[in-house]
Amino acid sequence: MEPKVIEYLSAPPSVATIKTLLGKLKLRPEELLRKGEDAYKTEIAGKQLSDAQLIAAMAEHPVLIERPIVVVGERAVLGRPPENVLALLK
C-alpha cells in the first residue's frame, strides 16, 4: 500500500474536504482542533462557534487541524498515536 501524503499546511483543504474528513474520522469539528495553536487562542478560544464556523476557521487556518490524518478508502484515523494507523491498515 502506497500512502498519499497531503501537505495541507501548504495546500489547505476546502470546507467540503474537511467535512468529508470529519465524516470518515467520525469526529465533531472541535475534536479535530489543535488547541495549543495561536490561531486557536485568537480565533476560537472563549467563543461559542457553530460546527460550520469551526470548519471555516480550519479551512482558513489549516494549522488548526490535528495531524497527521491517515485515510484508507472510506475510513480515516488520526495518526497519533501511531497504533491508530496500524489498526486502520488491518
N, C-alpha and C. Protein backbone atom coordinates (compact mmCIF):
# COMPACT_ATOMS: atom_id res chain seq x y z
N MET A 1 0.85 -1.17 0.00
CA MET A 1 0.00 0.00 0.00
C MET A 1 0.90 1.23 0.00
N GLU A 2 0.64 2.14 -0.91
CA GLU A 2 1.43 3.35 -1.00
C GLU A 2 0.63 4.52 -0.47
N PRO A 3 1.15 5.20 0.57
CA PRO A 3 0.39 6.31 1.15
C PRO A 3 0.42 7.53 0.25
N LYS A 4 -0.64 8.31 0.33
CA LYS A 4 -0.70 9.59 -0.35
C LYS A 4 -0.59 10.65 0.75
N VAL A 5 0.44 11.46 0.67
CA VAL A 5 0.67 12.49 1.68
C VAL A 5 0.12 13.81 1.16
N ILE A 6 -0.74 14.41 1.95
CA ILE A 6 -1.31 15.71 1.60
C ILE A 6 -0.74 16.73 2.58
N GLU A 7 0.03 17.66 2.07
CA GLU A 7 0.63 18.71 2.89
C GLU A 7 -0.37 19.85 3.03
N TYR A 8 -1.31 19.72 3.96
CA TYR A 8 -2.38 20.69 3.99
C TYR A 8 -2.01 22.01 4.64
N LEU A 9 -0.80 22.13 5.15
CA LEU A 9 -0.35 23.45 5.58
C LEU A 9 0.05 24.29 4.36
N SER A 10 0.55 23.65 3.31
CA SER A 10 0.91 24.37 2.09
C SER A 10 -0.22 24.34 1.05
N ALA A 11 -1.12 23.37 1.15
CA ALA A 11 -2.28 23.27 0.25
C ALA A 11 -3.52 23.04 1.12
N PRO A 12 -4.05 24.11 1.72
CA PRO A 12 -5.16 23.97 2.68
C PRO A 12 -6.37 23.27 2.08
N PRO A 13 -7.00 22.40 2.88
CA PRO A 13 -8.21 21.71 2.41
C PRO A 13 -9.40 22.67 2.39
N SER A 14 -10.33 22.36 1.52
CA SER A 14 -11.55 23.16 1.43
C SER A 14 -12.49 22.79 2.57
N VAL A 15 -13.52 23.58 2.73
CA VAL A 15 -14.56 23.28 3.72
C VAL A 15 -15.16 21.90 3.43
N ALA A 16 -15.42 21.61 2.15
CA ALA A 16 -16.01 20.32 1.78
C ALA A 16 -15.08 19.17 2.14
N THR A 17 -13.78 19.34 1.91
CA THR A 17 -12.81 18.30 2.25
C THR A 17 -12.76 18.07 3.75
N ILE A 18 -12.79 19.13 4.51
CA ILE A 18 -12.76 18.99 5.98
C ILE A 18 -14.01 18.26 6.45
N LYS A 19 -15.16 18.59 5.88
CA LYS A 19 -16.40 17.88 6.25
C LYS A 19 -16.29 16.39 5.94
N THR A 20 -15.73 16.07 4.77
CA THR A 20 -15.55 14.67 4.39
C THR A 20 -14.63 13.96 5.37
N LEU A 21 -13.51 14.60 5.71
CA LEU A 21 -12.58 14.01 6.67
C LEU A 21 -13.24 13.79 8.03
N LEU A 22 -14.00 14.76 8.48
CA LEU A 22 -14.69 14.62 9.77
C LEU A 22 -15.64 13.43 9.74
N GLY A 23 -16.32 13.24 8.62
CA GLY A 23 -17.22 12.09 8.49
C GLY A 23 -16.47 10.78 8.55
N LYS A 24 -15.34 10.71 7.85
CA LYS A 24 -14.54 9.48 7.86
C LYS A 24 -13.91 9.23 9.22
N LEU A 25 -13.52 10.31 9.90
CA LEU A 25 -12.92 10.19 11.23
C LEU A 25 -13.96 9.93 12.32
N LYS A 26 -15.22 10.24 11.99
CA LYS A 26 -16.31 10.15 12.97
C LYS A 26 -16.04 11.06 14.16
N LEU A 27 -15.63 12.30 13.83
CA LEU A 27 -15.33 13.30 14.84
C LEU A 27 -16.17 14.54 14.61
N ARG A 28 -16.39 15.28 15.67
CA ARG A 28 -17.01 16.60 15.57
C ARG A 28 -15.89 17.61 15.31
N PRO A 29 -16.18 18.75 14.73
CA PRO A 29 -15.12 19.72 14.41
C PRO A 29 -14.22 20.08 15.59
N GLU A 30 -14.78 20.28 16.76
CA GLU A 30 -13.95 20.68 17.90
C GLU A 30 -12.95 19.59 18.31
N GLU A 31 -13.24 18.34 17.94
CA GLU A 31 -12.33 17.24 18.26
C GLU A 31 -11.12 17.20 17.31
N LEU A 32 -11.17 17.93 16.23
CA LEU A 32 -10.09 17.95 15.25
C LEU A 32 -9.20 19.18 15.40
N LEU A 33 -9.52 20.02 16.36
CA LEU A 33 -8.78 21.26 16.56
C LEU A 33 -7.52 21.07 17.40
N ARG A 34 -6.47 21.76 17.01
CA ARG A 34 -5.23 21.83 17.80
C ARG A 34 -5.36 23.05 18.70
N LYS A 35 -5.65 22.82 19.95
CA LYS A 35 -5.97 23.90 20.89
C LYS A 35 -4.76 24.67 21.39
N GLY A 36 -3.56 24.18 21.12
CA GLY A 36 -2.36 24.89 21.54
C GLY A 36 -1.86 25.93 20.55
N GLU A 37 -2.48 25.99 19.39
CA GLU A 37 -2.04 26.92 18.34
C GLU A 37 -2.49 28.35 18.63
N ASP A 38 -1.66 29.30 18.23
CA ASP A 38 -2.02 30.72 18.40
C ASP A 38 -3.33 31.05 17.70
N ALA A 39 -3.54 30.47 16.52
CA ALA A 39 -4.78 30.73 15.78
C ALA A 39 -6.00 30.28 16.59
N TYR A 40 -5.86 29.20 17.34
CA TYR A 40 -6.97 28.74 18.19
C TYR A 40 -7.24 29.78 19.27
N LYS A 41 -6.18 30.25 19.89
CA LYS A 41 -6.31 31.21 21.00
C LYS A 41 -6.93 32.52 20.54
N THR A 42 -6.61 32.95 19.31
CA THR A 42 -7.13 34.23 18.84
C THR A 42 -8.46 34.12 18.10
N GLU A 43 -8.70 33.00 17.43
CA GLU A 43 -9.89 32.87 16.60
C GLU A 43 -11.05 32.11 17.25
N ILE A 44 -10.73 31.22 18.21
CA ILE A 44 -11.75 30.28 18.68
C ILE A 44 -11.96 30.30 20.19
N ALA A 45 -10.88 30.30 20.95
CA ALA A 45 -10.97 30.17 22.41
C ALA A 45 -11.93 31.19 23.01
N GLY A 46 -12.82 30.68 23.85
CA GLY A 46 -13.77 31.53 24.56
C GLY A 46 -14.98 31.96 23.76
N LYS A 47 -15.06 31.53 22.50
CA LYS A 47 -16.19 31.90 21.65
C LYS A 47 -17.13 30.71 21.47
N GLN A 48 -18.40 31.00 21.33
CA GLN A 48 -19.39 29.96 21.04
C GLN A 48 -19.57 29.90 19.53
N LEU A 49 -18.86 28.99 18.88
CA LEU A 49 -18.92 28.89 17.42
C LEU A 49 -19.66 27.62 17.01
N SER A 50 -20.38 27.73 15.92
CA SER A 50 -21.09 26.57 15.36
C SER A 50 -20.08 25.64 14.68
N ASP A 51 -20.53 24.43 14.37
CA ASP A 51 -19.68 23.50 13.64
C ASP A 51 -19.23 24.11 12.32
N ALA A 52 -20.14 24.77 11.62
CA ALA A 52 -19.80 25.39 10.34
C ALA A 52 -18.73 26.47 10.51
N GLN A 53 -18.82 27.24 11.58
CA GLN A 53 -17.81 28.27 11.83
C GLN A 53 -16.46 27.65 12.17
N LEU A 54 -16.46 26.55 12.92
CA LEU A 54 -15.20 25.88 13.25
C LEU A 54 -14.55 25.30 12.00
N ILE A 55 -15.37 24.71 11.13
CA ILE A 55 -14.84 24.16 9.89
C ILE A 55 -14.28 25.27 9.00
N ALA A 56 -14.98 26.40 8.94
CA ALA A 56 -14.49 27.53 8.15
C ALA A 56 -13.16 28.04 8.71
N ALA A 57 -13.04 28.07 10.03
CA ALA A 57 -11.78 28.50 10.66
C ALA A 57 -10.64 27.55 10.32
N MET A 58 -10.93 26.24 10.29
CA MET A 58 -9.90 25.26 9.92
C MET A 58 -9.49 25.42 8.46
N ALA A 59 -10.44 25.74 7.59
CA ALA A 59 -10.12 25.94 6.18
C ALA A 59 -9.27 27.20 6.01
N GLU A 60 -9.56 28.22 6.78
CA GLU A 60 -8.81 29.47 6.69
C GLU A 60 -7.44 29.37 7.37
N HIS A 61 -7.38 28.61 8.46
CA HIS A 61 -6.14 28.45 9.25
C HIS A 61 -5.85 26.95 9.40
N PRO A 62 -5.30 26.30 8.38
CA PRO A 62 -5.11 24.85 8.44
C PRO A 62 -4.20 24.38 9.57
N VAL A 63 -3.43 25.28 10.16
CA VAL A 63 -2.60 24.90 11.31
C VAL A 63 -3.47 24.43 12.48
N LEU A 64 -4.75 24.77 12.44
CA LEU A 64 -5.68 24.36 13.49
C LEU A 64 -6.06 22.88 13.41
N ILE A 65 -5.81 22.24 12.27
CA ILE A 65 -6.25 20.86 12.06
C ILE A 65 -5.24 19.90 12.67
N GLU A 66 -5.75 19.01 13.52
CA GLU A 66 -4.90 17.97 14.11
C GLU A 66 -4.32 17.12 13.00
N ARG A 67 -3.07 16.73 13.16
CA ARG A 67 -2.41 15.95 12.13
C ARG A 67 -1.45 14.97 12.74
N PRO A 68 -1.07 13.98 12.00
CA PRO A 68 -1.49 13.63 10.65
C PRO A 68 -2.83 12.89 10.64
N ILE A 69 -3.48 12.95 9.51
CA ILE A 69 -4.71 12.20 9.28
C ILE A 69 -4.38 11.16 8.20
N VAL A 70 -4.72 9.92 8.47
CA VAL A 70 -4.47 8.84 7.52
C VAL A 70 -5.82 8.33 7.03
N VAL A 71 -5.97 8.28 5.71
CA VAL A 71 -7.23 7.87 5.08
C VAL A 71 -6.99 6.63 4.25
N VAL A 72 -7.86 5.64 4.44
CA VAL A 72 -7.86 4.44 3.60
C VAL A 72 -9.31 4.22 3.19
N GLY A 73 -9.59 4.48 1.93
CA GLY A 73 -10.96 4.33 1.44
C GLY A 73 -11.91 5.26 2.16
N GLU A 74 -12.92 4.68 2.77
CA GLU A 74 -13.93 5.47 3.48
C GLU A 74 -13.65 5.59 4.97
N ARG A 75 -12.48 5.12 5.40
CA ARG A 75 -12.12 5.21 6.82
C ARG A 75 -10.91 6.10 6.98
N ALA A 76 -10.82 6.72 8.17
CA ALA A 76 -9.68 7.58 8.47
C ALA A 76 -9.42 7.55 9.97
N VAL A 77 -8.17 7.84 10.34
CA VAL A 77 -7.79 7.94 11.75
C VAL A 77 -6.78 9.08 11.89
N LEU A 78 -6.70 9.59 13.11
CA LEU A 78 -5.61 10.50 13.44
C LEU A 78 -4.38 9.64 13.65
N GLY A 79 -3.25 10.08 13.15
CA GLY A 79 -2.03 9.28 13.20
C GLY A 79 -1.31 9.30 14.53
N ARG A 80 -1.90 9.89 15.52
CA ARG A 80 -1.32 9.90 16.86
C ARG A 80 -2.32 9.31 17.83
N PRO A 81 -1.96 8.28 18.51
CA PRO A 81 -0.71 7.54 18.48
C PRO A 81 -0.61 6.69 17.21
N PRO A 82 0.62 6.29 16.85
CA PRO A 82 0.83 5.52 15.61
C PRO A 82 0.03 4.22 15.56
N GLU A 83 -0.34 3.68 16.71
CA GLU A 83 -1.13 2.44 16.73
C GLU A 83 -2.47 2.62 16.01
N ASN A 84 -2.98 3.86 15.97
CA ASN A 84 -4.22 4.12 15.24
C ASN A 84 -4.07 3.75 13.77
N VAL A 85 -2.92 4.08 13.20
CA VAL A 85 -2.67 3.81 11.79
C VAL A 85 -2.57 2.29 11.57
N LEU A 86 -1.89 1.61 12.45
CA LEU A 86 -1.78 0.15 12.32
C LEU A 86 -3.15 -0.52 12.35
N ALA A 87 -4.02 -0.04 13.24
CA ALA A 87 -5.36 -0.60 13.34
C ALA A 87 -6.16 -0.33 12.04
N LEU A 88 -5.95 0.83 11.44
CA LEU A 88 -6.64 1.17 10.20
C LEU A 88 -6.19 0.28 9.05
N LEU A 89 -4.94 -0.09 9.03
CA LEU A 89 -4.38 -0.86 7.93
C LEU A 89 -4.68 -2.35 8.02
N LYS A 90 -5.21 -2.82 9.12
CA LYS A 90 -5.53 -4.25 9.29
C LYS A 90 -6.76 -4.62 8.53
